[in-house]
């Protein structure tokens, strides 16, 4: 039986395919990589996972970019421990991608150009109002006033990518910054 996913047959093809999927997630609202799950650890050591929107993917620098409200819990968690994991499940390709990253938080002047490019309706997600997660009496008992001071960019500097392809023959590989992304096959 021919492999319907030839990109999973060699490490270089698989690595290129992973990045093509990530880059597609930046531009295609329907791509699986558009809405990955970002995991951090809270002050009690408990993992915290949430869906985020992929805003940038730079293969050459091995970085991914996300926007967030500076008052969000994830920012507090990343300030305490600037490490995160990212998970993407692509059902059509039978491909799970897990990414380990160190995170840099960018704010203020470092993000002012990005803020200026945001559509007005998108700016409401970054507010001078109550912080995300603040208890309220009613589901709509809040006001969000766009505020550039509340806008932050998370830059994930990828340290490792683990790919698991659940095709006719399961394949798993790990690519690391330390080995210059050469890759290593692993038992799935």
N, C-alpha and C. Protein backbone atom coordinates (compact mmCIF):
# COMPACT_ATOMS: atom_id res chain seq x y z
N UNK A 1 0.84 -1.19 0.00
CA UNK A 1 0.00 0.00 0.00
C UNK A 1 0.88 1.24 0.00
N UNK A 2 0.61 2.14 -0.91
CA UNK A 2 1.37 3.39 -0.98
C UNK A 2 1.03 4.26 0.22
N UNK A 3 2.02 5.01 0.67
CA UNK A 3 1.80 5.92 1.79
C UNK A 3 1.11 7.18 1.26
N UNK A 4 -0.09 7.48 1.77
CA UNK A 4 -0.77 8.71 1.32
C UNK A 4 -0.11 9.98 1.88
N UNK A 5 0.88 9.80 2.74
CA UNK A 5 1.58 10.93 3.36
C UNK A 5 3.08 10.77 3.16
N UNK A 6 3.59 10.96 1.93
CA UNK A 6 5.02 10.76 1.67
C UNK A 6 5.92 11.69 2.47
N UNK A 7 5.37 12.83 2.93
CA UNK A 7 6.15 13.77 3.73
C UNK A 7 6.59 13.15 5.07
N UNK A 8 6.00 12.02 5.46
CA UNK A 8 6.35 11.39 6.73
C UNK A 8 7.45 10.35 6.58
N UNK A 9 7.99 10.19 5.38
CA UNK A 9 8.93 9.09 5.14
C UNK A 9 10.39 9.44 5.45
N UNK A 10 10.76 10.73 5.40
CA UNK A 10 12.14 11.10 5.72
C UNK A 10 12.13 12.26 6.70
N UNK A 11 13.19 12.36 7.48
CA UNK A 11 13.28 13.45 8.45
C UNK A 11 13.24 14.83 7.78
N UNK A 12 14.00 15.07 6.71
CA UNK A 12 13.94 16.41 6.08
C UNK A 12 12.54 16.74 5.55
N UNK A 13 11.87 15.78 4.91
CA UNK A 13 10.52 16.05 4.39
C UNK A 13 9.53 16.31 5.53
N UNK A 14 9.65 15.55 6.59
CA UNK A 14 8.76 15.74 7.73
C UNK A 14 8.97 17.12 8.36
N UNK A 15 10.21 17.52 8.55
CA UNK A 15 10.51 18.83 9.13
C UNK A 15 9.94 19.95 8.26
N UNK A 16 10.13 19.86 6.95
CA UNK A 16 9.58 20.87 6.04
C UNK A 16 8.06 20.90 6.11
N UNK A 17 7.46 19.73 6.20
CA UNK A 17 6.00 19.64 6.27
C UNK A 17 5.47 20.28 7.56
N UNK A 18 6.14 20.03 8.67
CA UNK A 18 5.72 20.62 9.95
C UNK A 18 5.71 22.14 9.85
N UNK A 19 6.77 22.70 9.29
CA UNK A 19 6.84 24.16 9.17
C UNK A 19 5.81 24.69 8.18
N UNK A 20 5.57 23.97 7.10
CA UNK A 20 4.55 24.41 6.14
C UNK A 20 3.19 24.46 6.82
N UNK A 21 2.89 23.49 7.68
CA UNK A 21 1.62 23.47 8.42
C UNK A 21 1.55 24.62 9.41
N UNK A 22 2.64 24.91 10.10
CA UNK A 22 2.64 26.03 11.05
C UNK A 22 2.45 27.36 10.31
N UNK A 23 3.18 27.56 9.24
CA UNK A 23 3.07 28.81 8.48
C UNK A 23 1.66 28.97 7.91
N UNK A 24 1.08 27.88 7.46
CA UNK A 24 -0.29 27.93 6.95
C UNK A 24 -1.25 28.38 8.05
N UNK A 25 -0.99 27.98 9.29
CA UNK A 25 -1.83 28.37 10.41
C UNK A 25 -1.89 29.87 10.64
N UNK A 26 -0.87 30.59 10.24
CA UNK A 26 -0.85 32.05 10.39
C UNK A 26 -1.84 32.70 9.44
N UNK A 27 -1.98 32.15 8.25
CA UNK A 27 -2.74 32.80 7.18
C UNK A 27 -4.11 32.18 6.89
N UNK A 28 -4.31 30.94 7.34
CA UNK A 28 -5.55 30.22 7.02
C UNK A 28 -6.35 29.97 8.31
N UNK A 29 -7.48 30.65 8.42
CA UNK A 29 -8.32 30.55 9.62
C UNK A 29 -8.81 29.14 9.89
N UNK A 30 -8.79 28.28 8.87
CA UNK A 30 -9.31 26.93 9.02
C UNK A 30 -8.22 25.88 9.21
N UNK A 31 -6.98 26.30 9.17
CA UNK A 31 -5.86 25.36 9.33
C UNK A 31 -5.77 24.91 10.79
N UNK A 32 -5.48 23.64 11.04
CA UNK A 32 -5.37 23.15 12.42
C UNK A 32 -4.36 23.94 13.27
N UNK A 33 -3.27 24.39 12.67
CA UNK A 33 -2.26 25.12 13.43
C UNK A 33 -2.69 26.53 13.78
N UNK A 34 -3.81 27.00 13.26
CA UNK A 34 -4.29 28.36 13.57
C UNK A 34 -4.63 28.50 15.06
N UNK A 35 -5.16 27.44 15.65
CA UNK A 35 -5.61 27.47 17.05
C UNK A 35 -4.96 26.35 17.87
N UNK A 36 -3.67 26.45 18.13
CA UNK A 36 -3.01 25.42 18.94
C UNK A 36 -3.35 25.60 20.42
N UNK A 37 -2.97 24.61 21.19
CA UNK A 37 -3.14 24.67 22.65
C UNK A 37 -1.78 25.01 23.26
N UNK A 38 -1.77 26.08 24.06
CA UNK A 38 -0.56 26.54 24.75
C UNK A 38 -0.65 26.10 26.21
N UNK A 39 0.38 25.47 26.70
CA UNK A 39 0.41 25.03 28.09
C UNK A 39 1.54 25.73 28.85
N UNK A 40 1.20 26.18 30.05
CA UNK A 40 2.16 26.79 30.98
C UNK A 40 1.97 26.08 32.32
N UNK A 41 2.68 26.56 33.34
CA UNK A 41 2.54 26.00 34.69
C UNK A 41 2.24 27.14 35.65
N UNK A 42 1.22 26.95 36.51
CA UNK A 42 0.87 28.01 37.45
C UNK A 42 1.75 27.97 38.70
N UNK A 43 1.52 28.89 39.61
CA UNK A 43 2.35 29.02 40.82
C UNK A 43 2.28 27.77 41.70
N UNK A 44 1.21 27.00 41.59
CA UNK A 44 1.08 25.77 42.37
C UNK A 44 1.68 24.56 41.64
N UNK A 45 2.27 24.79 40.48
CA UNK A 45 2.88 23.71 39.72
C UNK A 45 1.91 22.93 38.86
N UNK A 46 0.68 23.42 38.75
CA UNK A 46 -0.33 22.73 37.95
C UNK A 46 -0.26 23.19 36.49
N UNK A 47 -0.30 22.25 35.55
CA UNK A 47 -0.32 22.63 34.14
C UNK A 47 -1.60 23.40 33.82
N UNK A 48 -1.47 24.40 32.96
CA UNK A 48 -2.60 25.21 32.51
C UNK A 48 -2.56 25.22 30.99
N UNK A 49 -3.67 24.84 30.36
CA UNK A 49 -3.72 24.79 28.90
C UNK A 49 -4.86 25.66 28.40
N UNK A 50 -4.61 26.32 27.27
CA UNK A 50 -5.64 27.15 26.66
C UNK A 50 -5.35 27.27 25.17
N UNK A 51 -6.43 27.47 24.41
CA UNK A 51 -6.31 27.65 22.97
C UNK A 51 -5.88 29.09 22.70
N UNK A 52 -4.93 29.25 21.79
CA UNK A 52 -4.44 30.56 21.40
C UNK A 52 -4.52 30.67 19.88
N UNK A 53 -4.27 31.86 19.35
CA UNK A 53 -4.31 32.08 17.90
C UNK A 53 -2.88 32.35 17.43
N UNK A 54 -2.43 31.53 16.49
CA UNK A 54 -1.08 31.69 15.93
C UNK A 54 -1.05 32.93 15.04
N UNK A 55 -0.15 33.86 15.35
CA UNK A 55 -0.05 35.13 14.60
C UNK A 55 1.20 35.23 13.74
N UNK A 56 2.22 34.42 14.04
CA UNK A 56 3.44 34.48 13.25
C UNK A 56 4.22 33.19 13.38
N UNK A 57 4.90 32.79 12.28
CA UNK A 57 5.75 31.60 12.28
C UNK A 57 6.96 31.91 11.41
N UNK A 58 8.13 31.83 12.01
CA UNK A 58 9.38 32.15 11.32
C UNK A 58 10.29 30.92 11.38
N UNK A 59 10.34 30.19 10.28
CA UNK A 59 11.14 28.95 10.24
C UNK A 59 12.62 29.23 10.47
N UNK A 60 13.16 30.26 9.82
CA UNK A 60 14.59 30.56 9.93
C UNK A 60 15.00 30.83 11.37
N UNK A 61 14.17 31.55 12.10
CA UNK A 61 14.48 31.88 13.50
C UNK A 61 13.94 30.82 14.46
N UNK A 62 13.11 29.91 13.95
CA UNK A 62 12.44 28.88 14.75
C UNK A 62 11.64 29.53 15.88
N UNK A 63 10.77 30.48 15.48
CA UNK A 63 9.92 31.17 16.46
C UNK A 63 8.46 31.16 16.01
N UNK A 64 7.59 31.23 16.99
CA UNK A 64 6.15 31.38 16.78
C UNK A 64 5.70 32.58 17.58
N UNK A 65 4.67 33.28 17.10
CA UNK A 65 4.20 34.49 17.76
C UNK A 65 2.71 34.40 18.07
N UNK A 66 2.35 34.88 19.25
CA UNK A 66 0.97 34.94 19.72
C UNK A 66 0.74 36.29 20.39
N UNK A 67 -0.50 36.76 20.39
CA UNK A 67 -0.86 37.99 21.09
C UNK A 67 -1.61 37.61 22.36
N UNK A 68 -1.51 38.47 23.37
CA UNK A 68 -2.22 38.23 24.62
C UNK A 68 -2.47 39.53 25.35
N UNK A 69 -3.38 39.47 26.30
CA UNK A 69 -3.62 40.59 27.21
C UNK A 69 -2.55 40.52 28.30
N UNK A 70 -1.89 41.61 28.54
CA UNK A 70 -0.81 41.66 29.53
C UNK A 70 -1.30 41.27 30.92
N UNK A 71 -2.62 41.42 31.17
CA UNK A 71 -3.17 41.10 32.48
C UNK A 71 -3.63 39.65 32.60
N UNK A 72 -3.42 38.85 31.58
CA UNK A 72 -3.89 37.46 31.60
C UNK A 72 -3.03 36.61 32.54
N UNK A 73 -3.63 35.56 33.02
CA UNK A 73 -2.93 34.64 33.93
C UNK A 73 -1.72 34.02 33.26
N UNK A 74 -1.81 33.75 31.96
CA UNK A 74 -0.68 33.12 31.28
C UNK A 74 0.57 34.00 31.32
N UNK A 75 0.38 35.32 31.29
CA UNK A 75 1.52 36.23 31.37
C UNK A 75 2.18 36.11 32.74
N UNK A 76 1.38 36.08 33.79
CA UNK A 76 1.90 35.90 35.15
C UNK A 76 2.68 34.58 35.24
N UNK A 77 2.12 33.52 34.67
CA UNK A 77 2.77 32.21 34.71
C UNK A 77 4.08 32.22 33.94
N UNK A 78 4.09 32.88 32.78
CA UNK A 78 5.30 32.92 31.97
C UNK A 78 6.37 33.83 32.57
N UNK A 79 5.96 34.83 33.31
CA UNK A 79 6.96 35.66 34.01
C UNK A 79 7.65 34.84 35.10
N UNK A 80 6.91 33.95 35.75
CA UNK A 80 7.49 33.11 36.80
C UNK A 80 8.34 31.98 36.21
N UNK A 81 7.91 31.45 35.07
CA UNK A 81 8.63 30.36 34.40
C UNK A 81 8.44 30.51 32.90
N UNK A 82 9.41 31.09 32.21
CA UNK A 82 9.24 31.42 30.80
C UNK A 82 9.40 30.23 29.85
N UNK A 83 8.72 29.14 30.19
CA UNK A 83 8.73 27.94 29.36
C UNK A 83 7.30 27.55 29.04
N UNK A 84 7.09 27.02 27.85
CA UNK A 84 5.74 26.62 27.46
C UNK A 84 5.81 25.42 26.52
N UNK A 85 4.67 24.76 26.41
CA UNK A 85 4.51 23.69 25.43
C UNK A 85 3.33 24.08 24.54
N UNK A 86 3.40 23.66 23.30
CA UNK A 86 2.34 23.94 22.34
C UNK A 86 1.92 22.62 21.72
N UNK A 87 0.62 22.45 21.49
CA UNK A 87 0.11 21.21 20.90
C UNK A 87 -0.80 21.54 19.73
N UNK A 88 -0.57 20.85 18.60
CA UNK A 88 -1.43 20.98 17.43
C UNK A 88 -1.84 19.58 17.00
N UNK A 89 -3.15 19.36 16.85
CA UNK A 89 -3.65 18.10 16.30
C UNK A 89 -4.24 18.39 14.93
N UNK A 90 -3.70 17.74 13.92
CA UNK A 90 -4.17 17.89 12.55
C UNK A 90 -4.84 16.56 12.16
N UNK A 91 -6.15 16.49 12.30
CA UNK A 91 -6.90 15.25 12.07
C UNK A 91 -6.79 14.78 10.63
N UNK A 92 -6.85 15.69 9.66
CA UNK A 92 -6.81 15.28 8.26
C UNK A 92 -5.48 14.64 7.88
N UNK A 93 -4.40 15.04 8.52
CA UNK A 93 -3.08 14.47 8.24
C UNK A 93 -2.68 13.40 9.25
N UNK A 94 -3.54 13.16 10.25
CA UNK A 94 -3.23 12.20 11.32
C UNK A 94 -1.89 12.55 11.97
N UNK A 95 -1.73 13.84 12.25
CA UNK A 95 -0.43 14.34 12.72
C UNK A 95 -0.59 15.15 14.01
N UNK A 96 0.14 14.71 15.03
CA UNK A 96 0.22 15.46 16.29
C UNK A 96 1.59 16.14 16.34
N UNK A 97 1.58 17.44 16.62
CA UNK A 97 2.82 18.19 16.76
C UNK A 97 2.87 18.77 18.16
N UNK A 98 3.96 18.47 18.87
CA UNK A 98 4.17 19.04 20.20
C UNK A 98 5.47 19.85 20.15
N UNK A 99 5.41 21.04 20.72
CA UNK A 99 6.54 21.97 20.65
C UNK A 99 6.92 22.42 22.05
N UNK A 100 8.21 22.34 22.37
CA UNK A 100 8.75 22.88 23.62
C UNK A 100 9.42 24.21 23.28
N UNK A 101 9.16 25.23 24.11
CA UNK A 101 9.71 26.55 23.78
C UNK A 101 10.04 27.36 25.02
N UNK A 102 11.00 28.25 24.86
CA UNK A 102 11.21 29.30 25.84
C UNK A 102 10.44 30.51 25.31
N UNK A 103 9.94 31.33 26.23
CA UNK A 103 9.03 32.41 25.81
C UNK A 103 9.59 33.76 26.21
N UNK A 104 9.54 34.69 25.27
CA UNK A 104 9.90 36.08 25.52
C UNK A 104 8.62 36.90 25.46
N UNK A 105 8.41 37.73 26.46
CA UNK A 105 7.24 38.61 26.53
C UNK A 105 7.65 39.99 26.02
N UNK A 106 6.94 40.46 24.99
CA UNK A 106 7.23 41.78 24.41
C UNK A 106 6.06 42.71 24.70
N UNK A 107 6.36 43.93 25.14
CA UNK A 107 5.33 44.91 25.49
C UNK A 107 5.79 46.31 25.09
N UNK A 108 4.94 47.30 25.33
CA UNK A 108 5.31 48.71 25.15
C UNK A 108 5.77 49.05 23.75
N UNK A 109 6.89 49.76 23.66
CA UNK A 109 7.43 50.19 22.37
C UNK A 109 7.76 49.02 21.45
N UNK A 110 8.09 47.86 22.04
CA UNK A 110 8.44 46.68 21.24
C UNK A 110 7.25 46.15 20.44
N UNK A 111 6.02 46.52 20.83
CA UNK A 111 4.84 46.00 20.14
C UNK A 111 3.96 47.10 19.55
N UNK A 112 4.42 48.35 19.60
CA UNK A 112 3.57 49.45 19.14
C UNK A 112 3.24 49.35 17.65
N UNK A 113 4.18 48.94 16.82
CA UNK A 113 3.89 48.78 15.39
C UNK A 113 2.85 47.69 15.16
N UNK A 114 2.96 46.61 15.89
CA UNK A 114 1.99 45.51 15.78
C UNK A 114 0.62 45.99 16.20
N UNK A 115 0.54 46.75 17.29
CA UNK A 115 -0.73 47.30 17.77
C UNK A 115 -1.38 48.18 16.68
N UNK A 116 -0.58 49.00 16.03
CA UNK A 116 -1.10 49.90 15.00
C UNK A 116 -1.70 49.13 13.82
N UNK A 117 -1.20 47.92 13.55
CA UNK A 117 -1.72 47.11 12.45
C UNK A 117 -2.97 46.31 12.83
N UNK A 118 -3.28 46.24 14.11
CA UNK A 118 -4.45 45.47 14.54
C UNK A 118 -5.74 46.17 14.12
N UNK A 119 -6.69 45.43 13.57
CA UNK A 119 -7.99 46.04 13.28
C UNK A 119 -8.66 46.50 14.58
N UNK A 120 -9.44 47.53 14.48
CA UNK A 120 -10.09 48.12 15.67
C UNK A 120 -10.86 47.07 16.47
N UNK A 121 -11.61 46.21 15.79
CA UNK A 121 -12.41 45.21 16.51
C UNK A 121 -11.52 44.21 17.27
N UNK A 122 -10.32 43.96 16.79
CA UNK A 122 -9.40 43.03 17.47
C UNK A 122 -8.79 43.64 18.72
N UNK A 123 -8.69 44.94 18.75
CA UNK A 123 -8.06 45.62 19.89
C UNK A 123 -8.86 45.45 21.19
N UNK A 124 -10.15 45.14 21.08
CA UNK A 124 -10.98 44.98 22.28
C UNK A 124 -10.54 43.80 23.15
N UNK A 125 -9.78 42.88 22.59
CA UNK A 125 -9.29 41.74 23.37
C UNK A 125 -8.20 42.15 24.36
N UNK A 126 -7.65 43.35 24.20
CA UNK A 126 -6.56 43.85 25.03
C UNK A 126 -7.05 45.12 25.68
N UNK A 127 -7.45 45.01 26.95
CA UNK A 127 -8.27 46.05 27.56
C UNK A 127 -7.71 46.60 28.86
N UNK A 128 -8.11 47.86 29.13
CA UNK A 128 -7.78 48.47 30.41
C UNK A 128 -8.85 48.14 31.45
N UNK A 129 -9.85 47.35 31.05
CA UNK A 129 -10.91 46.93 31.97
C UNK A 129 -10.43 45.85 32.90
N UNK A 130 -11.36 45.15 33.53
CA UNK A 130 -10.97 44.07 34.45
C UNK A 130 -10.09 43.03 33.74
N UNK A 131 -9.17 42.47 34.47
CA UNK A 131 -8.26 41.45 33.92
C UNK A 131 -9.04 40.21 33.53
N UNK A 132 -8.61 39.50 32.49
CA UNK A 132 -9.25 38.24 32.15
C UNK A 132 -9.27 37.30 33.37
N UNK A 133 -10.41 36.68 33.59
CA UNK A 133 -10.55 35.77 34.73
C UNK A 133 -11.10 36.41 35.99
N UNK A 134 -11.29 37.74 35.97
CA UNK A 134 -11.86 38.43 37.13
C UNK A 134 -13.31 37.99 37.31
N UNK A 135 -13.73 37.60 38.53
CA UNK A 135 -15.13 37.22 38.75
C UNK A 135 -16.07 38.39 38.49
N UNK A 136 -17.22 38.07 37.86
CA UNK A 136 -18.26 39.07 37.60
C UNK A 136 -19.62 38.47 37.96
N UNK A 137 -20.62 39.33 38.20
CA UNK A 137 -21.93 38.89 38.66
C UNK A 137 -22.79 38.28 37.56
N UNK A 138 -22.53 38.66 36.31
CA UNK A 138 -23.36 38.23 35.20
C UNK A 138 -22.43 37.99 34.00
N UNK A 139 -22.84 37.13 33.08
CA UNK A 139 -21.95 36.75 31.97
C UNK A 139 -21.48 37.94 31.13
N UNK A 140 -22.23 39.03 31.09
CA UNK A 140 -21.85 40.19 30.30
C UNK A 140 -21.61 41.44 31.15
N UNK A 141 -21.33 41.25 32.43
CA UNK A 141 -21.12 42.39 33.34
C UNK A 141 -19.67 42.86 33.28
N UNK A 142 -19.25 43.27 32.10
CA UNK A 142 -17.91 43.82 31.95
C UNK A 142 -17.90 44.78 30.77
N UNK A 143 -16.92 45.66 30.77
CA UNK A 143 -16.69 46.58 29.65
C UNK A 143 -15.22 46.45 29.28
N UNK A 144 -14.96 46.34 28.00
CA UNK A 144 -13.58 46.24 27.53
C UNK A 144 -13.26 47.47 26.71
N UNK A 145 -12.28 48.22 27.17
CA UNK A 145 -11.82 49.41 26.47
C UNK A 145 -10.43 49.12 25.91
N UNK A 146 -10.28 49.14 24.58
CA UNK A 146 -8.96 48.84 24.00
C UNK A 146 -7.87 49.72 24.60
N UNK A 147 -6.75 49.10 24.92
CA UNK A 147 -5.65 49.82 25.55
C UNK A 147 -4.33 49.18 25.13
N UNK A 148 -3.52 49.93 24.41
CA UNK A 148 -2.24 49.40 23.94
C UNK A 148 -1.36 48.95 25.10
N UNK A 149 -1.50 49.56 26.25
CA UNK A 149 -0.70 49.17 27.42
C UNK A 149 -0.98 47.73 27.83
N UNK A 150 -2.18 47.22 27.51
CA UNK A 150 -2.56 45.86 27.88
C UNK A 150 -2.16 44.84 26.81
N UNK A 151 -1.63 45.30 25.68
CA UNK A 151 -1.29 44.42 24.57
C UNK A 151 0.12 43.88 24.73
N UNK A 152 0.26 42.56 24.58
CA UNK A 152 1.57 41.92 24.67
C UNK A 152 1.71 40.88 23.57
N UNK A 153 2.94 40.62 23.20
CA UNK A 153 3.25 39.60 22.21
C UNK A 153 4.10 38.55 22.91
N UNK A 154 3.72 37.29 22.70
CA UNK A 154 4.52 36.17 23.19
C UNK A 154 5.32 35.62 22.01
N UNK A 155 6.63 35.62 22.15
CA UNK A 155 7.49 35.02 21.12
C UNK A 155 8.03 33.71 21.67
N UNK A 156 7.63 32.63 21.05
CA UNK A 156 8.10 31.32 21.46
C UNK A 156 9.34 30.96 20.66
N UNK A 157 10.44 30.79 21.35
CA UNK A 157 11.69 30.34 20.73
C UNK A 157 11.70 28.83 20.86
N UNK A 158 11.45 28.17 19.75
CA UNK A 158 11.28 26.72 19.77
C UNK A 158 12.60 26.04 20.13
N UNK A 159 12.51 25.11 21.07
CA UNK A 159 13.67 24.31 21.47
C UNK A 159 13.59 22.90 20.89
N UNK A 160 12.35 22.39 20.76
CA UNK A 160 12.17 21.04 20.22
C UNK A 160 10.78 20.91 19.61
N UNK A 161 10.70 20.07 18.58
CA UNK A 161 9.43 19.73 17.94
C UNK A 161 9.34 18.21 17.90
N UNK A 162 8.27 17.69 18.45
CA UNK A 162 8.01 16.25 18.44
C UNK A 162 6.81 16.02 17.54
N UNK A 163 6.99 15.19 16.51
CA UNK A 163 5.91 14.92 15.56
C UNK A 163 5.56 13.44 15.60
N UNK A 164 4.26 13.16 15.70
CA UNK A 164 3.76 11.79 15.70
C UNK A 164 2.75 11.67 14.58
N UNK A 165 3.08 10.85 13.58
CA UNK A 165 2.18 10.63 12.45
C UNK A 165 1.51 9.27 12.65
N UNK A 166 0.18 9.29 12.72
CA UNK A 166 -0.59 8.06 12.94
C UNK A 166 -1.18 7.58 11.62
N UNK A 167 -0.32 7.41 10.63
CA UNK A 167 -0.74 6.91 9.33
C UNK A 167 -0.74 5.39 9.31
N UNK A 168 -0.71 4.79 8.10
CA UNK A 168 -0.73 3.33 7.99
C UNK A 168 0.40 2.68 8.80
N UNK A 169 1.53 3.34 8.84
CA UNK A 169 2.65 2.92 9.68
C UNK A 169 2.98 4.11 10.57
N UNK A 170 2.82 3.95 11.87
CA UNK A 170 3.07 5.06 12.78
C UNK A 170 4.54 5.45 12.73
N UNK A 171 4.77 6.77 12.73
CA UNK A 171 6.13 7.28 12.73
C UNK A 171 6.20 8.44 13.73
N UNK A 172 7.35 8.53 14.39
CA UNK A 172 7.55 9.62 15.34
C UNK A 172 8.98 10.13 15.19
N UNK A 173 9.13 11.45 15.26
CA UNK A 173 10.46 12.06 15.17
C UNK A 173 10.53 13.26 16.11
N UNK A 174 11.73 13.56 16.53
CA UNK A 174 11.98 14.74 17.37
C UNK A 174 13.09 15.55 16.72
N UNK A 175 12.82 16.85 16.59
CA UNK A 175 13.78 17.80 16.02
C UNK A 175 14.14 18.78 17.13
N UNK A 176 15.41 19.08 17.31
CA UNK A 176 15.81 20.01 18.37
C UNK A 176 16.73 21.10 17.82
N UNK A 177 16.63 22.23 18.48
CA UNK A 177 17.53 23.34 18.15
C UNK A 177 18.97 22.90 18.37
N UNK A 178 19.20 22.11 19.42
CA UNK A 178 20.55 21.67 19.78
C UNK A 178 21.21 20.86 18.67
N UNK A 179 20.41 20.08 17.90
CA UNK A 179 21.02 19.32 16.80
C UNK A 179 20.77 19.99 15.44
N UNK A 180 20.49 21.30 15.49
CA UNK A 180 20.28 22.11 14.28
C UNK A 180 19.16 21.54 13.42
N UNK A 181 18.14 20.98 14.08
CA UNK A 181 16.92 20.49 13.45
C UNK A 181 17.14 19.29 12.54
N UNK A 182 18.24 18.55 12.76
CA UNK A 182 18.52 17.36 11.92
C UNK A 182 17.47 16.29 12.14
N UNK A 183 17.00 16.14 13.36
CA UNK A 183 15.96 15.17 13.66
C UNK A 183 16.46 13.80 14.04
N UNK A 184 15.59 13.09 14.75
CA UNK A 184 15.88 11.73 15.20
C UNK A 184 14.57 10.96 15.20
N UNK A 185 14.56 9.80 14.56
CA UNK A 185 13.38 8.95 14.63
C UNK A 185 13.24 8.39 16.03
N UNK A 186 12.02 8.25 16.50
CA UNK A 186 11.72 7.68 17.81
C UNK A 186 10.67 6.60 17.65
N UNK A 187 10.63 5.69 18.59
CA UNK A 187 9.55 4.70 18.60
C UNK A 187 8.25 5.44 18.89
N UNK A 188 7.22 5.23 18.07
CA UNK A 188 5.96 5.95 18.30
C UNK A 188 5.26 5.47 19.59
